[in-house]
Amino acid sequence: MLDKLALILVIIGGLNWGSIGIFQFDIVAWIFGGQGAIVSRIIYTLVGLAAIWCISLLFRDNEVVHDSK
């Protein structure tokens, strides 16, 4: 569950960075009242922590086990 939440936050961050790069428009800042707003800073921090968490996904051995009943 934590992996999926982290991945969702990283995707949100990636889309936000894409909008900044292409359109020079920060979606998170626009929604939450500017880059300096406390809620925006919390979102940026959560996205950053999620990105750090997702680094661990690169090094995990995830074997899919299929149960045949």
PDB file of N, CA and C in Angstrom:
ATOM      1  N   MET A   1       0.824  -1.201   0.000  1.00  0.00           N
ATOM      2  CA  MET A   1       0.000   0.000   0.000  1.00  0.00           C
ATOM      3  C   MET A   1       0.863   1.258   0.000  1.00  0.00           C
ATOM      4  N   LEU A   2       1.915   1.240   0.816  1.00  0.00           N
ATOM      5  CA  LEU A   2       2.813   2.393   0.889  1.00  0.00           C
ATOM      6  C   LEU A   2       3.524   2.618  -0.436  1.00  0.00           C
ATOM      7  N   ASP A   3       3.871   1.534  -1.126  1.00  0.00           N
ATOM      8  CA  ASP A   3       4.522   1.659  -2.431  1.00  0.00           C
ATOM      9  C   ASP A   3       3.612   2.363  -3.431  1.00  0.00           C
ATOM     10  N   LYS A   4       2.335   1.996  -3.445  1.00  0.00           N
ATOM     11  CA  LYS A   4       1.392   2.606  -4.383  1.00  0.00           C
ATOM     12  C   LYS A   4       1.172   4.079  -4.059  1.00  0.00           C
ATOM     13  N   LEU A   5       1.067   4.405  -2.773  1.00  0.00           N
ATOM     14  CA  LEU A   5       0.902   5.797  -2.368  1.00  0.00           C
ATOM     15  C   LEU A   5       2.119   6.623  -2.780  1.00  0.00           C
ATOM     16  N   ALA A   6       3.306   6.078  -2.544  1.00  0.00           N
ATOM     17  CA  ALA A   6       4.530   6.776  -2.935  1.00  0.00           C
ATOM     18  C   ALA A   6       4.584   6.968  -4.442  1.00  0.00           C
ATOM     19  N   LEU A   7       4.190   5.957  -5.182  1.00  0.00           N
ATOM     20  CA  LEU A   7       4.205   6.057  -6.644  1.00  0.00           C
ATOM     21  C   LEU A   7       3.215   7.109  -7.128  1.00  0.00           C
ATOM     22  N   ILE A   8       2.045   7.176  -6.517  1.00  0.00           N
ATOM     23  CA  ILE A   8       1.056   8.196  -6.879  1.00  0.00           C
ATOM     24  C   ILE A   8       1.611   9.596  -6.621  1.00  0.00           C
ATOM     25  N   LEU A   9       2.256   9.786  -5.481  1.00  0.00           N
ATOM     26  CA  LEU A   9       2.838  11.098  -5.172  1.00  0.00           C
ATOM     27  C   LEU A   9       3.948  11.462  -6.145  1.00  0.00           C
ATOM     28  N   VAL A  10       4.756  10.485  -6.529  1.00  0.00           N
ATOM     29  CA  VAL A  10       5.831  10.745  -7.492  1.00  0.00           C
ATOM     30  C   VAL A  10       5.246  11.101  -8.855  1.00  0.00           C
ATOM     31  N   ILE A  11       4.171  10.447  -9.237  1.00  0.00           N
ATOM     32  CA  ILE A  11       3.513  10.773 -10.508  1.00  0.00           C
ATOM     33  C   ILE A  11       2.960  12.197 -10.456  1.00  0.00           C
ATOM     34  N   ILE A  12       2.335  12.567  -9.341  1.00  0.00           N
ATOM     35  CA  ILE A  12       1.843  13.940  -9.182  1.00  0.00           C
ATOM     36  C   ILE A  12       2.997  14.929  -9.310  1.00  0.00           C
ATOM     37  N   GLY A  13       4.110  14.625  -8.662  1.00  0.00           N
ATOM     38  CA  GLY A  13       5.281  15.495  -8.757  1.00  0.00           C
ATOM     39  C   GLY A  13       5.817  15.592 -10.172  1.00  0.00           C
ATOM     40  N   GLY A  14       5.836  14.458 -10.867  1.00  0.00           N
ATOM     41  CA  GLY A  14       6.314  14.464 -12.247  1.00  0.00           C
ATOM     42  C   GLY A  14       5.425  15.274 -13.164  1.00  0.00           C
ATOM     43  N   LEU A  15       4.118  15.135 -12.976  1.00  0.00           N
ATOM     44  CA  LEU A  15       3.186  15.935 -13.783  1.00  0.00           C
ATOM     45  C   LEU A  15       3.335  17.421 -13.472  1.00  0.00           C
ATOM     46  N   ASN A  16       3.544  17.734 -12.209  1.00  0.00           N
ATOM     47  CA  ASN A  16       3.739  19.138 -11.836  1.00  0.00           C
ATOM     48  C   ASN A  16       5.014  19.691 -12.471  1.00  0.00           C
ATOM     49  N   TRP A  17       6.105  18.926 -12.404  1.00  0.00           N
ATOM     50  CA  TRP A  17       7.351  19.382 -13.025  1.00  0.00           C
ATOM     51  C   TRP A  17       7.210  19.503 -14.536  1.00  0.00           C
ATOM     52  N   GLY A  18       6.451  18.591 -15.135  1.00  0.00           N
ATOM     53  CA  GLY A  18       6.200  18.686 -16.569  1.00  0.00           C
ATOM     54  C   GLY A  18       5.456  19.961 -16.921  1.00  0.00           C
ATOM     55  N   SER A  19       4.463  20.309 -16.106  1.00  0.00           N
ATOM     56  CA  SER A  19       3.717  21.545 -16.375  1.00  0.00           C
ATOM     57  C   SER A  19       4.591  22.780 -16.159  1.00  0.00           C
ATOM     58  N   ILE A  20       5.524  22.701 -15.224  1.00  0.00           N
ATOM     59  CA  ILE A  20       6.444  23.816 -15.024  1.00  0.00           C
ATOM     60  C   ILE A  20       7.376  23.942 -16.228  1.00  0.00           C
ATOM     61  N   GLY A  21       7.896  22.811 -16.685  1.00  0.00           N
ATOM     62  CA  GLY A  21       8.824  22.833 -17.811  1.00  0.00           C
ATOM     63  C   GLY A  21       8.190  23.259 -19.117  1.00  0.00           C
ATOM     64  N   ILE A  22       6.983  22.785 -19.365  1.00  0.00           N
ATOM     65  CA  ILE A  22       6.334  23.068 -20.653  1.00  0.00           C
ATOM     66  C   ILE A  22       5.596  24.404 -20.639  1.00  0.00           C
ATOM     67  N   PHE A  23       4.840  24.638 -19.569  1.00  0.00           N
ATOM     68  CA  PHE A  23       3.957  25.803 -19.537  1.00  0.00           C
ATOM     69  C   PHE A  23       4.380  26.894 -18.553  1.00  0.00           C
ATOM     70  N   GLN A  24       5.456  26.655 -17.793  1.00  0.00           N
ATOM     71  CA  GLN A  24       5.892  27.565 -16.724  1.00  0.00           C
ATOM     72  C   GLN A  24       4.743  27.813 -15.739  1.00  0.00           C
ATOM     73  N   PHE A  25       4.032  26.732 -15.402  1.00  0.00           N
ATOM     74  CA  PHE A  25       2.876  26.821 -14.524  1.00  0.00           C
ATOM     75  C   PHE A  25       2.968  25.754 -13.443  1.00  0.00           C
ATOM     76  N   ASP A  26       3.043  26.173 -12.193  1.00  0.00           N
ATOM     77  CA  ASP A  26       3.142  25.276 -11.050  1.00  0.00           C
ATOM     78  C   ASP A  26       1.730  24.957 -10.546  1.00  0.00           C
ATOM     79  N   ILE A  27       1.268  23.766 -10.833  1.00  0.00           N
ATOM     80  CA  ILE A  27      -0.097  23.369 -10.482  1.00  0.00           C
ATOM     81  C   ILE A  27      -0.294  23.338  -8.967  1.00  0.00           C
ATOM     82  N   VAL A  28       0.675  22.776  -8.240  1.00  0.00           N
ATOM     83  CA  VAL A  28       0.552  22.686  -6.786  1.00  0.00           C
ATOM     84  C   VAL A  28       0.466  24.075  -6.171  1.00  0.00           C
ATOM     85  N   ALA A  29       1.330  24.974  -6.598  1.00  0.00           N
ATOM     86  CA  ALA A  29       1.294  26.347  -6.069  1.00  0.00           C
ATOM     87  C   ALA A  29      -0.018  27.031  -6.420  1.00  0.00           C
ATOM     88  N   TRP A  30      -0.518  26.789  -7.607  1.00  0.00           N
ATOM     89  CA  TRP A  30      -1.770  27.403  -8.040  1.00  0.00           C
ATOM     90  C   TRP A  30      -2.945  26.921  -7.187  1.00  0.00           C
ATOM     91  N   ILE A  31      -2.979  25.615  -6.912  1.00  0.00           N
ATOM     92  CA  ILE A  31      -4.084  25.056  -6.133  1.00  0.00           C
ATOM     93  C   ILE A  31      -4.021  25.498  -4.675  1.00  0.00           C
ATOM     94  N   PHE A  32      -2.826  25.528  -4.101  1.00  0.00           N
ATOM     95  CA  PHE A  32      -2.701  25.732  -2.666  1.00  0.00           C
ATOM     96  C   PHE A  32      -2.201  27.113  -2.258  1.00  0.00           C
ATOM     97  N   GLY A  33      -2.164  28.073  -3.168  1.00  0.00           N
ATOM     98  CA  GLY A  33      -1.893  29.450  -2.774  1.00  0.00           C
ATOM     99  C   GLY A  33      -0.459  29.917  -2.862  1.00  0.00           C
ATOM    100  N   GLY A  34       0.324  29.380  -3.748  1.00  0.00           N
ATOM    101  CA  GLY A  34       1.693  29.844  -3.955  1.00  0.00           C
ATOM    102  C   GLY A  34       2.716  28.861  -3.430  1.00  0.00           C
ATOM    103  N   GLN A  35       3.955  29.017  -3.902  1.00  0.00           N
ATOM    104  CA  GLN A  35       5.023  28.102  -3.502  1.00  0.00           C
ATOM    105  C   GLN A  35       5.368  28.217  -2.029  1.00  0.00           C
ATOM    106  N   GLY A  36       5.179  29.377  -1.457  1.00  0.00           N
ATOM    107  CA  GLY A  36       5.527  29.589  -0.059  1.00  0.00           C
ATOM    108  C   GLY A  36       4.440  29.185   0.913  1.00  0.00           C
ATOM    109  N   ALA A  37       3.263  28.870   0.417  1.00  0.00           N
ATOM    110  CA  ALA A  37       2.166  28.473   1.306  1.00  0.00           C
ATOM    111  C   ALA A  37       2.521  27.169   2.013  1.00  0.00           C
ATOM    112  N   ILE A  38       2.116  27.077   3.258  1.00  0.00           N
ATOM    113  CA  ILE A  38       2.489  25.912   4.061  1.00  0.00           C
ATOM    114  C   ILE A  38       1.968  24.608   3.453  1.00  0.00           C
ATOM    115  N   VAL A  39       0.762  24.618   2.902  1.00  0.00           N
ATOM    116  CA  VAL A  39       0.218  23.398   2.299  1.00  0.00           C
ATOM    117  C   VAL A  39       1.042  22.997   1.074  1.00  0.00           C
ATOM    118  N   SER A  40       1.439  23.962   0.259  1.00  0.00           N
ATOM    119  CA  SER A  40       2.286  23.658  -0.907  1.00  0.00           C
ATOM    120  C   SER A  40       3.608  23.068  -0.464  1.00  0.00           C
ATOM    121  N   ARG A  41       4.185  23.631   0.561  1.00  0.00           N
ATOM    122  CA  ARG A  41       5.473  23.116   1.050  1.00  0.00           C
ATOM    123  C   ARG A  41       5.336  21.705   1.588  1.00  0.00           C
ATOM    124  N   ILE A  42       4.203  21.412   2.230  1.00  0.00           N
ATOM    125  CA  ILE A  42       3.960  20.054   2.716  1.00  0.00           C
ATOM    126  C   ILE A  42       3.837  19.090   1.542  1.00  0.00           C
ATOM    127  N   ILE A  43       3.111  19.494   0.499  1.00  0.00           N
ATOM    128  CA  ILE A  43       2.965  18.649  -0.695  1.00  0.00           C
ATOM    129  C   ILE A  43       4.327  18.402  -1.334  1.00  0.00           C
ATOM    130  N   TYR A  44       5.128  19.458  -1.497  1.00  0.00           N
ATOM    131  CA  TYR A  44       6.462  19.297  -2.087  1.00  0.00           C
ATOM    132  C   TYR A  44       7.310  18.344  -1.244  1.00  0.00           C
ATOM    133  N   THR A  45       7.223  18.456   0.070  1.00  0.00           N
ATOM    134  CA  THR A  45       7.993  17.593   0.958  1.00  0.00           C
ATOM    135  C   THR A  45       7.532  16.144   0.849  1.00  0.00           C
ATOM    136  N   LEU A  46       6.217  15.926   0.813  1.00  0.00           N
ATOM    137  CA  LEU A  46       5.694  14.567   0.674  1.00  0.00           C
ATOM    138  C   LEU A  46       6.105  13.936  -0.657  1.00  0.00           C
ATOM    139  N   VAL A  47       6.085  14.724  -1.713  1.00  0.00           N
ATOM    140  CA  VAL A  47       6.511  14.218  -3.027  1.00  0.00           C
ATOM    141  C   VAL A  47       7.998  13.860  -2.991  1.00  0.00           C
ATOM    142  N   GLY A  48       8.804  14.688  -2.359  1.00  0.00           N
ATOM    143  CA  GLY A  48      10.231  14.398  -2.232  1.00  0.00           C
ATOM    144  C   GLY A  48      10.500  13.138  -1.428  1.00  0.00           C
ATOM    145  N   LEU A  49       9.797  12.977  -0.312  1.00  0.00           N
ATOM    146  CA  LEU A  49       9.950  11.766   0.498  1.00  0.00           C
ATOM    147  C   LEU A  49       9.477  10.534  -0.266  1.00  0.00           C
ATOM    148  N   ALA A  50       8.404  10.692  -1.026  1.00  0.00           N
ATOM    149  CA  ALA A  50       7.916   9.578  -1.838  1.00  0.00           C
ATOM    150  C   ALA A  50       8.941   9.183  -2.890  1.00  0.00           C
ATOM    151  N   ALA A  51       9.610  10.169  -3.475  1.00  0.00           N
ATOM    152  CA  ALA A  51      10.645   9.873  -4.475  1.00  0.00           C
ATOM    153  C   ALA A  51      11.798   9.096  -3.840  1.00  0.00           C
ATOM    154  N   ILE A  52      12.175   9.481  -2.637  1.00  0.00           N
ATOM    155  CA  ILE A  52      13.234   8.749  -1.928  1.00  0.00           C
ATOM    156  C   ILE A  52      12.781   7.319  -1.665  1.00  0.00           C
ATOM    157  N   TRP A  53      11.527   7.151  -1.252  1.00  0.00           N
ATOM    158  CA  TRP A  53      10.990   5.806  -1.011  1.00  0.00           C
ATOM    159  C   TRP A  53      11.007   4.976  -2.301  1.00  0.00           C
ATOM    160  N   CYS A  54      10.657   5.601  -3.422  1.00  0.00           N
ATOM    161  CA  CYS A  54      10.588   4.875  -4.695  1.00  0.00           C
ATOM    162  C   CYS A  54      11.955   4.416  -5.180  1.00  0.00           C
ATOM    163  N   ILE A  55      13.014   5.021  -4.700  1.00  0.00           N
ATOM    164  CA  ILE A  55      14.359   4.539  -5.038  1.00  0.00           C
ATOM    165  C   ILE A  55      14.509   3.087  -4.598  1.00  0.00           C
ATOM    166  N   SER A  56      13.906   2.751  -3.452  1.00  0.00           N
ATOM    167  CA  SER A  56      14.007   1.373  -2.959  1.00  0.00           C
ATOM    168  C   SER A  56      13.322   0.380  -3.891  1.00  0.00           C
ATOM    169  N   LEU A  57      12.349   0.844  -4.673  1.00  0.00           N
ATOM    170  CA  LEU A  57      11.668  -0.050  -5.613  1.00  0.00           C
ATOM    171  C   LEU A  57      12.628  -0.575  -6.674  1.00  0.00           C
ATOM    172  N   LEU A  58      13.647   0.196  -6.985  1.00  0.00           N
ATOM    173  CA  LEU A  58      14.613  -0.230  -7.998  1.00  0.00           C
ATOM    174  C   LEU A  58      15.452  -1.419  -7.542  1.00  0.00           C
ATOM    175  N   PHE A  59      15.611  -1.566  -6.238  1.00  0.00           N
ATOM    176  CA  PHE A  59      16.522  -2.566  -5.710  1.00  0.00           C
ATOM    177  C   PHE A  59      15.817  -3.758  -5.065  1.00  0.00           C
ATOM    178  N   ARG A  60      14.508  -3.807  -5.168  1.00  0.00           N
ATOM    179  CA  ARG A  60      13.757  -4.915  -4.590  1.00  0.00           C
ATOM    180  C   ARG A  60      13.627  -6.051  -5.586  1.00  0.00           C
ATOM    181  N   ASP A  61      13.598  -7.247  -5.045  1.00  0.00           N
ATOM    182  CA  ASP A  61      13.367  -8.434  -5.861  1.00  0.00           C
ATOM    183  C   ASP A  61      11.900  -8.790  -5.711  1.00  0.00           C
ATOM    184  N   ASN A  62      11.094  -8.336  -6.641  1.00  0.00           N
ATOM    185  CA  ASN A  62       9.651  -8.575  -6.584  1.00  0.00           C
ATOM    186  C   ASN A  62       9.276  -9.726  -7.495  1.00  0.00           C
ATOM    187  N   GLU A  63       9.091 -10.871  -6.900  1.00  0.00           N
ATOM    188  CA  GLU A  63       8.643 -12.029  -7.662  1.00  0.00           C
ATOM    189  C   GLU A  63       7.145 -12.131  -7.524  1.00  0.00           C
ATOM    190  N   VAL A  64       6.474 -12.322  -8.655  1.00  0.00           N
ATOM    191  CA  VAL A  64       5.026 -12.478  -8.655  1.00  0.00           C
ATOM    192  C   VAL A  64       4.727 -13.962  -8.455  1.00  0.00           C
ATOM    193  N   VAL A  65       3.956 -14.251  -7.432  1.00  0.00           N
ATOM    194  CA  VAL A  65       3.585 -15.616  -7.124  1.00  0.00           C
ATOM    195  C   VAL A  65       2.124 -15.793  -7.509  1.00  0.00           C
ATOM    196  N   HIS A  66       1.865 -16.734  -8.410  1.00  0.00           N
ATOM    197  CA  HIS A  66       0.500 -17.003  -8.847  1.00  0.00           C
ATOM    198  C   HIS A  66       0.010 -18.258  -8.130  1.00  0.00           C
ATOM    199  N   ASP A  67      -1.106 -18.116  -7.486  1.00  0.00           N
ATOM    200  CA  ASP A  67      -1.714 -19.241  -6.797  1.00  0.00           C
ATOM    201  C   ASP A  67      -2.731 -19.897  -7.724  1.00  0.00           C
ATOM    202  N   SER A  68      -2.448 -21.128  -8.110  1.00  0.00           N
ATOM    203  CA  SER A  68      -3.381 -21.821  -9.022  1.00  0.00           C
ATOM    204  C   SER A  68      -4.278 -22.747  -8.212  1.00  0.00           C
ATOM    205  N   LYS A  69      -5.525 -22.348  -8.095  1.00  0.00           N
ATOM    206  CA  LYS A  69      -6.494 -23.152  -7.333  1.00  0.00           C
ATOM    207  C   LYS A  69      -7.477 -23.775  -8.258  1.00  0.00           C
TER     208      LYS A  69
END
